[in-house]
Amino acid sequence: MVARFPPPPQNLHRYVWAMAVVIAVINTSDAVKSFHGTGGVGFGLGNVILVGNLILLWLYTLGCHSCRHITAGKINNFSKHPVRYWLWGKIGWLNARHMRLAWTTLGTLVFTDAYIALVSSGTITDLRFFG
């Protein structure tokens, strides 16, 4: 198999998906770090907003047809790969809701960014449940 440059357009979506996974991993790291403030471990409304957005981001990213292809794209016999078949089925369920997840994730992303900007500028304070 000879690699071509530029890659065919149908492969571009797979590369964009890989970049989306990297962004989701970075956001996961940021969400974990948000539980550790200057005064130790804490939990507030900002954590709920960040984690909610993160869950939707991961569902959207994992529901992409590129992820579905990566998990079980070249399997000819699903009975020999039951775990990969199970993953393929779950990702297929998410893929059927991919557009709805896209718009919901975009909305929560705007809300999350606005909330973080308002808290970091001192306009509002984060409602803390403990810590």
N, C-alpha and C. Protein backbone atom coordinates (compact mmCIF):
# COMPACT_ATOMS: atom_id res chain seq x y z
N MET A 1 0.84 -1.18 0.00
CA MET A 1 0.00 0.00 0.00
C MET A 1 0.89 1.24 0.00
N VAL A 2 0.64 2.12 -0.91
CA VAL A 2 1.44 3.34 -1.04
C VAL A 2 0.67 4.50 -0.43
N ALA A 3 1.32 5.24 0.45
CA ALA A 3 0.67 6.41 1.05
C ALA A 3 0.64 7.54 0.02
N ARG A 4 -0.47 8.26 0.00
CA ARG A 4 -0.61 9.37 -0.92
C ARG A 4 -0.64 10.67 -0.15
N PHE A 5 -0.11 11.69 -0.79
CA PHE A 5 -0.22 13.03 -0.21
C PHE A 5 -0.73 13.94 -1.30
N PRO A 6 -1.72 14.71 -1.06
CA PRO A 6 -2.49 14.82 0.18
C PRO A 6 -3.37 13.59 0.37
N PRO A 7 -3.75 13.33 1.62
CA PRO A 7 -4.60 12.16 1.87
C PRO A 7 -5.96 12.34 1.19
N PRO A 8 -6.59 11.25 0.81
CA PRO A 8 -7.91 11.35 0.19
C PRO A 8 -8.89 12.06 1.14
N PRO A 9 -9.85 12.79 0.60
CA PRO A 9 -10.78 13.56 1.45
C PRO A 9 -11.55 12.70 2.45
N GLN A 10 -11.86 11.45 2.11
CA GLN A 10 -12.60 10.62 3.05
C GLN A 10 -11.78 10.30 4.30
N ASN A 11 -10.46 10.36 4.20
CA ASN A 11 -9.61 10.11 5.36
C ASN A 11 -9.44 11.35 6.24
N LEU A 12 -9.73 12.52 5.70
CA LEU A 12 -9.58 13.76 6.46
C LEU A 12 -10.43 13.74 7.72
N HIS A 13 -11.63 13.16 7.61
CA HIS A 13 -12.51 13.08 8.77
C HIS A 13 -11.89 12.26 9.90
N ARG A 14 -11.14 11.24 9.56
CA ARG A 14 -10.48 10.41 10.59
C ARG A 14 -9.40 11.20 11.32
N TYR A 15 -8.68 12.04 10.60
CA TYR A 15 -7.65 12.86 11.23
C TYR A 15 -8.26 13.92 12.13
N VAL A 16 -9.35 14.50 11.69
CA VAL A 16 -10.05 15.49 12.51
C VAL A 16 -10.59 14.81 13.77
N TRP A 17 -11.10 13.58 13.62
CA TRP A 17 -11.58 12.84 14.79
C TRP A 17 -10.44 12.60 15.79
N ALA A 18 -9.26 12.25 15.29
CA ALA A 18 -8.11 12.03 16.19
C ALA A 18 -7.76 13.31 16.93
N MET A 19 -7.83 14.45 16.26
CA MET A 19 -7.58 15.73 16.94
C MET A 19 -8.66 16.01 17.98
N ALA A 20 -9.90 15.62 17.69
CA ALA A 20 -10.99 15.81 18.65
C ALA A 20 -10.76 14.97 19.90
N VAL A 21 -10.22 13.77 19.73
CA VAL A 21 -9.90 12.92 20.89
C VAL A 21 -8.84 13.59 21.75
N VAL A 22 -7.83 14.18 21.13
CA VAL A 22 -6.79 14.89 21.88
C VAL A 22 -7.39 16.05 22.66
N ILE A 23 -8.28 16.80 22.05
CA ILE A 23 -8.95 17.92 22.74
C ILE A 23 -9.79 17.41 23.90
N ALA A 24 -10.49 16.29 23.71
CA ALA A 24 -11.31 15.73 24.78
C ALA A 24 -10.43 15.26 25.94
N VAL A 25 -9.27 14.70 25.65
CA VAL A 25 -8.34 14.28 26.71
C VAL A 25 -7.84 15.50 27.49
N ILE A 26 -7.51 16.58 26.78
CA ILE A 26 -7.06 17.81 27.45
C ILE A 26 -8.18 18.36 28.33
N ASN A 27 -9.41 18.37 27.82
CA ASN A 27 -10.54 18.84 28.63
C ASN A 27 -10.80 17.95 29.84
N THR A 28 -10.56 16.64 29.68
CA THR A 28 -10.69 15.73 30.81
C THR A 28 -9.67 16.08 31.89
N SER A 29 -8.44 16.34 31.48
CA SER A 29 -7.40 16.74 32.43
C SER A 29 -7.78 18.03 33.14
N ASP A 30 -8.30 19.00 32.40
CA ASP A 30 -8.71 20.27 33.01
C ASP A 30 -9.86 20.06 34.01
N ALA A 31 -10.79 19.18 33.68
CA ALA A 31 -11.92 18.93 34.58
C ALA A 31 -11.44 18.27 35.87
N VAL A 32 -10.49 17.35 35.76
CA VAL A 32 -9.95 16.70 36.97
C VAL A 32 -9.21 17.72 37.82
N LYS A 33 -8.42 18.59 37.17
CA LYS A 33 -7.69 19.62 37.91
C LYS A 33 -8.62 20.62 38.58
N SER A 34 -9.81 20.81 38.03
CA SER A 34 -10.74 21.80 38.60
C SER A 34 -11.24 21.40 39.99
N PHE A 35 -11.12 20.14 40.35
CA PHE A 35 -11.53 19.70 41.69
C PHE A 35 -10.48 20.02 42.74
N HIS A 36 -9.28 20.40 42.31
CA HIS A 36 -8.19 20.69 43.23
C HIS A 36 -7.88 22.18 43.17
N GLY A 37 -8.43 22.92 44.11
CA GLY A 37 -8.19 24.36 44.16
C GLY A 37 -7.03 24.70 45.07
N THR A 38 -6.91 25.99 45.38
CA THR A 38 -5.82 26.42 46.25
C THR A 38 -6.02 25.95 47.69
N GLY A 39 -7.28 25.73 48.08
CA GLY A 39 -7.55 25.29 49.44
C GLY A 39 -7.74 23.79 49.57
N GLY A 40 -7.32 23.02 48.61
CA GLY A 40 -7.48 21.57 48.64
C GLY A 40 -8.60 21.14 47.71
N VAL A 41 -9.17 19.98 47.99
CA VAL A 41 -10.21 19.43 47.14
C VAL A 41 -11.52 20.16 47.41
N GLY A 42 -12.22 20.51 46.36
CA GLY A 42 -13.49 21.20 46.48
C GLY A 42 -14.43 20.80 45.37
N PHE A 43 -15.69 21.22 45.52
CA PHE A 43 -16.71 20.87 44.55
C PHE A 43 -17.72 22.00 44.49
N GLY A 44 -17.99 22.45 43.27
CA GLY A 44 -18.93 23.55 43.11
C GLY A 44 -19.71 23.45 41.81
N LEU A 45 -20.48 24.50 41.54
CA LEU A 45 -21.29 24.53 40.34
C LEU A 45 -20.42 24.48 39.08
N GLY A 46 -19.27 25.11 39.13
CA GLY A 46 -18.35 25.06 37.99
C GLY A 46 -17.92 23.65 37.65
N ASN A 47 -17.71 22.82 38.67
CA ASN A 47 -17.35 21.42 38.43
C ASN A 47 -18.49 20.67 37.75
N VAL A 48 -19.71 20.93 38.18
CA VAL A 48 -20.87 20.27 37.56
C VAL A 48 -20.97 20.68 36.09
N ILE A 49 -20.78 21.96 35.81
CA ILE A 49 -20.86 22.46 34.44
C ILE A 49 -19.74 21.86 33.58
N LEU A 50 -18.51 21.84 34.11
CA LEU A 50 -17.38 21.29 33.36
C LEU A 50 -17.56 19.80 33.07
N VAL A 51 -17.95 19.05 34.07
CA VAL A 51 -18.10 17.60 33.89
C VAL A 51 -19.28 17.29 32.96
N GLY A 52 -20.37 18.03 33.09
CA GLY A 52 -21.49 17.84 32.17
C GLY A 52 -21.10 18.09 30.73
N ASN A 53 -20.38 19.17 30.50
CA ASN A 53 -19.90 19.47 29.15
C ASN A 53 -18.93 18.39 28.67
N LEU A 54 -18.08 17.92 29.56
CA LEU A 54 -17.11 16.90 29.21
C LEU A 54 -17.79 15.58 28.81
N ILE A 55 -18.82 15.19 29.53
CA ILE A 55 -19.55 13.97 29.19
C ILE A 55 -20.17 14.09 27.81
N LEU A 56 -20.80 15.22 27.54
CA LEU A 56 -21.40 15.42 26.21
C LEU A 56 -20.33 15.44 25.12
N LEU A 57 -19.18 16.05 25.41
CA LEU A 57 -18.09 16.09 24.43
C LEU A 57 -17.60 14.69 24.11
N TRP A 58 -17.43 13.84 25.13
CA TRP A 58 -16.98 12.47 24.89
C TRP A 58 -18.04 11.66 24.14
N LEU A 59 -19.32 11.85 24.49
CA LEU A 59 -20.37 11.12 23.77
C LEU A 59 -20.39 11.52 22.30
N TYR A 60 -20.25 12.81 22.04
CA TYR A 60 -20.22 13.29 20.65
C TYR A 60 -18.99 12.73 19.91
N THR A 61 -17.84 12.77 20.55
CA THR A 61 -16.60 12.31 19.91
C THR A 61 -16.65 10.81 19.66
N LEU A 62 -17.13 10.04 20.62
CA LEU A 62 -17.18 8.59 20.45
C LEU A 62 -18.29 8.16 19.51
N GLY A 63 -19.28 9.03 19.28
CA GLY A 63 -20.37 8.69 18.37
C GLY A 63 -20.06 8.94 16.91
N CYS A 64 -18.88 9.40 16.62
CA CYS A 64 -18.50 9.70 15.24
C CYS A 64 -18.34 8.40 14.45
N HIS A 65 -18.70 8.43 13.17
CA HIS A 65 -18.58 7.21 12.37
C HIS A 65 -17.11 6.81 12.18
N SER A 66 -16.19 7.75 12.34
CA SER A 66 -14.77 7.39 12.26
C SER A 66 -14.38 6.49 13.44
N CYS A 67 -14.93 6.77 14.61
CA CYS A 67 -14.67 5.91 15.78
C CYS A 67 -15.30 4.54 15.56
N ARG A 68 -16.47 4.53 14.97
CA ARG A 68 -17.14 3.26 14.69
C ARG A 68 -16.31 2.43 13.72
N HIS A 69 -15.72 3.07 12.73
CA HIS A 69 -14.88 2.37 11.77
C HIS A 69 -13.60 1.86 12.43
N ILE A 70 -13.02 2.66 13.32
CA ILE A 70 -11.78 2.26 13.98
C ILE A 70 -12.00 1.05 14.89
N THR A 71 -13.15 0.99 15.56
CA THR A 71 -13.38 -0.11 16.49
C THR A 71 -13.65 -1.44 15.79
N ALA A 72 -14.34 -1.41 14.64
CA ALA A 72 -14.69 -2.69 14.02
C ALA A 72 -14.80 -2.60 12.51
N GLY A 73 -14.04 -1.72 11.90
CA GLY A 73 -14.18 -1.49 10.48
C GLY A 73 -13.77 -2.63 9.58
N LYS A 74 -12.77 -3.39 9.94
CA LYS A 74 -12.27 -4.43 9.04
C LYS A 74 -12.54 -5.84 9.56
N ILE A 75 -13.55 -5.97 10.39
CA ILE A 75 -13.90 -7.30 10.91
C ILE A 75 -14.85 -7.97 9.93
N ASN A 76 -14.52 -9.18 9.53
CA ASN A 76 -15.38 -9.94 8.63
C ASN A 76 -16.30 -10.89 9.39
N ASN A 77 -15.93 -11.23 10.62
CA ASN A 77 -16.72 -12.17 11.39
C ASN A 77 -16.85 -11.63 12.82
N PHE A 78 -18.01 -11.06 13.12
CA PHE A 78 -18.21 -10.45 14.44
C PHE A 78 -18.17 -11.49 15.57
N SER A 79 -18.54 -12.74 15.31
CA SER A 79 -18.58 -13.73 16.37
C SER A 79 -17.18 -14.04 16.92
N LYS A 80 -16.15 -13.76 16.14
CA LYS A 80 -14.78 -13.99 16.61
C LYS A 80 -14.24 -12.81 17.41
N HIS A 81 -14.96 -11.69 17.41
CA HIS A 81 -14.53 -10.47 18.10
C HIS A 81 -15.71 -9.88 18.89
N PRO A 82 -16.17 -10.58 19.94
CA PRO A 82 -17.39 -10.11 20.62
C PRO A 82 -17.24 -8.76 21.32
N VAL A 83 -16.07 -8.46 21.85
CA VAL A 83 -15.88 -7.18 22.53
C VAL A 83 -15.92 -6.04 21.52
N ARG A 84 -15.21 -6.21 20.42
CA ARG A 84 -15.22 -5.18 19.38
C ARG A 84 -16.62 -5.02 18.78
N TYR A 85 -17.36 -6.12 18.66
CA TYR A 85 -18.73 -6.03 18.16
C TYR A 85 -19.62 -5.27 19.14
N TRP A 86 -19.44 -5.53 20.43
CA TRP A 86 -20.21 -4.82 21.46
C TRP A 86 -19.91 -3.33 21.40
N LEU A 87 -18.61 -2.96 21.30
CA LEU A 87 -18.24 -1.55 21.17
C LEU A 87 -18.84 -0.93 19.92
N TRP A 88 -18.78 -1.65 18.82
CA TRP A 88 -19.33 -1.17 17.56
C TRP A 88 -20.83 -0.88 17.68
N GLY A 89 -21.52 -1.75 18.40
CA GLY A 89 -22.96 -1.55 18.61
C GLY A 89 -23.25 -0.33 19.46
N LYS A 90 -22.49 -0.15 20.52
CA LYS A 90 -22.69 1.03 21.39
C LYS A 90 -22.35 2.31 20.65
N ILE A 91 -21.28 2.29 19.89
CA ILE A 91 -20.90 3.48 19.12
C ILE A 91 -21.93 3.74 18.02
N GLY A 92 -22.49 2.69 17.47
CA GLY A 92 -23.56 2.86 16.49
C GLY A 92 -24.78 3.53 17.09
N TRP A 93 -25.12 3.19 18.33
CA TRP A 93 -26.23 3.84 19.03
C TRP A 93 -25.95 5.33 19.18
N LEU A 94 -24.72 5.67 19.57
CA LEU A 94 -24.34 7.08 19.69
C LEU A 94 -24.33 7.76 18.32
N ASN A 95 -23.89 7.04 17.30
CA ASN A 95 -23.81 7.61 15.95
C ASN A 95 -25.18 8.01 15.43
N ALA A 96 -26.21 7.28 15.80
CA ALA A 96 -27.57 7.63 15.39
C ALA A 96 -28.01 8.96 16.00
N ARG A 97 -27.38 9.37 17.09
CA ARG A 97 -27.71 10.62 17.78
C ARG A 97 -26.60 11.66 17.62
N HIS A 98 -25.73 11.46 16.64
CA HIS A 98 -24.53 12.29 16.48
C HIS A 98 -24.87 13.77 16.26
N MET A 99 -25.84 14.07 15.43
CA MET A 99 -26.17 15.47 15.16
C MET A 99 -26.79 16.14 16.38
N ARG A 100 -27.65 15.44 17.08
CA ARG A 100 -28.24 16.00 18.30
C ARG A 100 -27.16 16.25 19.35
N LEU A 101 -26.23 15.31 19.47
CA LEU A 101 -25.11 15.50 20.40
C LEU A 101 -24.22 16.66 19.97
N ALA A 102 -24.07 16.86 18.66
CA ALA A 102 -23.24 17.96 18.17
C ALA A 102 -23.81 19.30 18.62
N TRP A 103 -25.10 19.51 18.40
CA TRP A 103 -25.71 20.79 18.77
C TRP A 103 -25.77 20.98 20.28
N THR A 104 -26.07 19.91 21.01
CA THR A 104 -26.12 20.01 22.47
C THR A 104 -24.73 20.31 23.04
N THR A 105 -23.72 19.64 22.52
CA THR A 105 -22.36 19.87 22.98
C THR A 105 -21.91 21.29 22.65
N LEU A 106 -22.25 21.77 21.48
CA LEU A 106 -21.89 23.14 21.11
C LEU A 106 -22.54 24.15 22.06
N GLY A 107 -23.81 23.93 22.39
CA GLY A 107 -24.50 24.82 23.32
C GLY A 107 -23.88 24.80 24.71
N THR A 108 -23.56 23.61 25.21
CA THR A 108 -22.96 23.54 26.55
C THR A 108 -21.54 24.07 26.54
N LEU A 109 -20.85 23.96 25.41
CA LEU A 109 -19.50 24.50 25.31
C LEU A 109 -19.53 26.03 25.42
N VAL A 110 -20.46 26.67 24.74
CA VAL A 110 -20.59 28.12 24.83
C VAL A 110 -20.95 28.53 26.26
N PHE A 111 -21.89 27.81 26.87
CA PHE A 111 -22.28 28.13 28.25
C PHE A 111 -21.11 27.92 29.21
N THR A 112 -20.39 26.82 29.06
CA THR A 112 -19.25 26.53 29.93
C THR A 112 -18.16 27.59 29.79
N ASP A 113 -17.83 27.94 28.57
CA ASP A 113 -16.81 28.98 28.36
C ASP A 113 -17.24 30.32 28.94
N ALA A 114 -18.51 30.67 28.77
CA ALA A 114 -19.00 31.93 29.33
C ALA A 114 -18.95 31.90 30.85
N TYR A 115 -19.33 30.79 31.45
CA TYR A 115 -19.29 30.67 32.91
C TYR A 115 -17.87 30.80 33.43
N ILE A 116 -16.93 30.11 32.79
CA ILE A 116 -15.53 30.18 33.20
C ILE A 116 -15.00 31.60 33.05
N ALA A 117 -15.35 32.26 31.95
CA ALA A 117 -14.88 33.64 31.73
C ALA A 117 -15.44 34.58 32.79
N LEU A 118 -16.71 34.42 33.15
CA LEU A 118 -17.32 35.28 34.16
C LEU A 118 -16.72 35.04 35.54
N VAL A 119 -16.46 33.79 35.88
CA VAL A 119 -15.85 33.49 37.18
C VAL A 119 -14.42 33.98 37.24
N SER A 120 -13.65 33.75 36.18
CA SER A 120 -12.25 34.16 36.20
C SER A 120 -12.08 35.67 36.15
N SER A 121 -13.05 36.39 35.60
CA SER A 121 -12.96 37.86 35.58
C SER A 121 -13.46 38.48 36.88
N GLY A 122 -14.07 37.68 37.74
CA GLY A 122 -14.58 38.19 39.00
C GLY A 122 -15.98 38.76 38.91
N THR A 123 -16.63 38.65 37.76
CA THR A 123 -17.98 39.16 37.59
C THR A 123 -18.96 38.39 38.46
N ILE A 124 -18.81 37.07 38.52
CA ILE A 124 -19.62 36.23 39.40
C ILE A 124 -18.67 35.34 40.19
N THR A 125 -19.17 34.77 41.27
CA THR A 125 -18.39 33.80 42.04
C THR A 125 -18.98 32.42 41.83
N ASP A 126 -18.11 31.44 41.89
CA ASP A 126 -18.53 30.05 41.72
C ASP A 126 -19.24 29.59 42.98
N LEU A 127 -20.43 29.08 42.82
CA LEU A 127 -21.18 28.53 43.95
C LEU A 127 -20.50 27.24 44.40
N ARG A 128 -19.96 27.24 45.60
CA ARG A 128 -19.22 26.08 46.11
C ARG A 128 -20.14 25.24 47.00
N PHE A 129 -20.16 23.94 46.78
CA PHE A 129 -20.94 23.03 47.62
C PHE A 129 -20.12 22.60 48.84
N PHE A 130 -18.84 22.36 48.63
CA PHE A 130 -17.90 22.17 49.75
C PHE A 130 -16.51 22.43 49.24
N GLY A 131 -15.63 22.76 50.19
CA GLY A 131 -14.23 23.00 49.85
C GLY A 131 -13.86 24.38 49.51
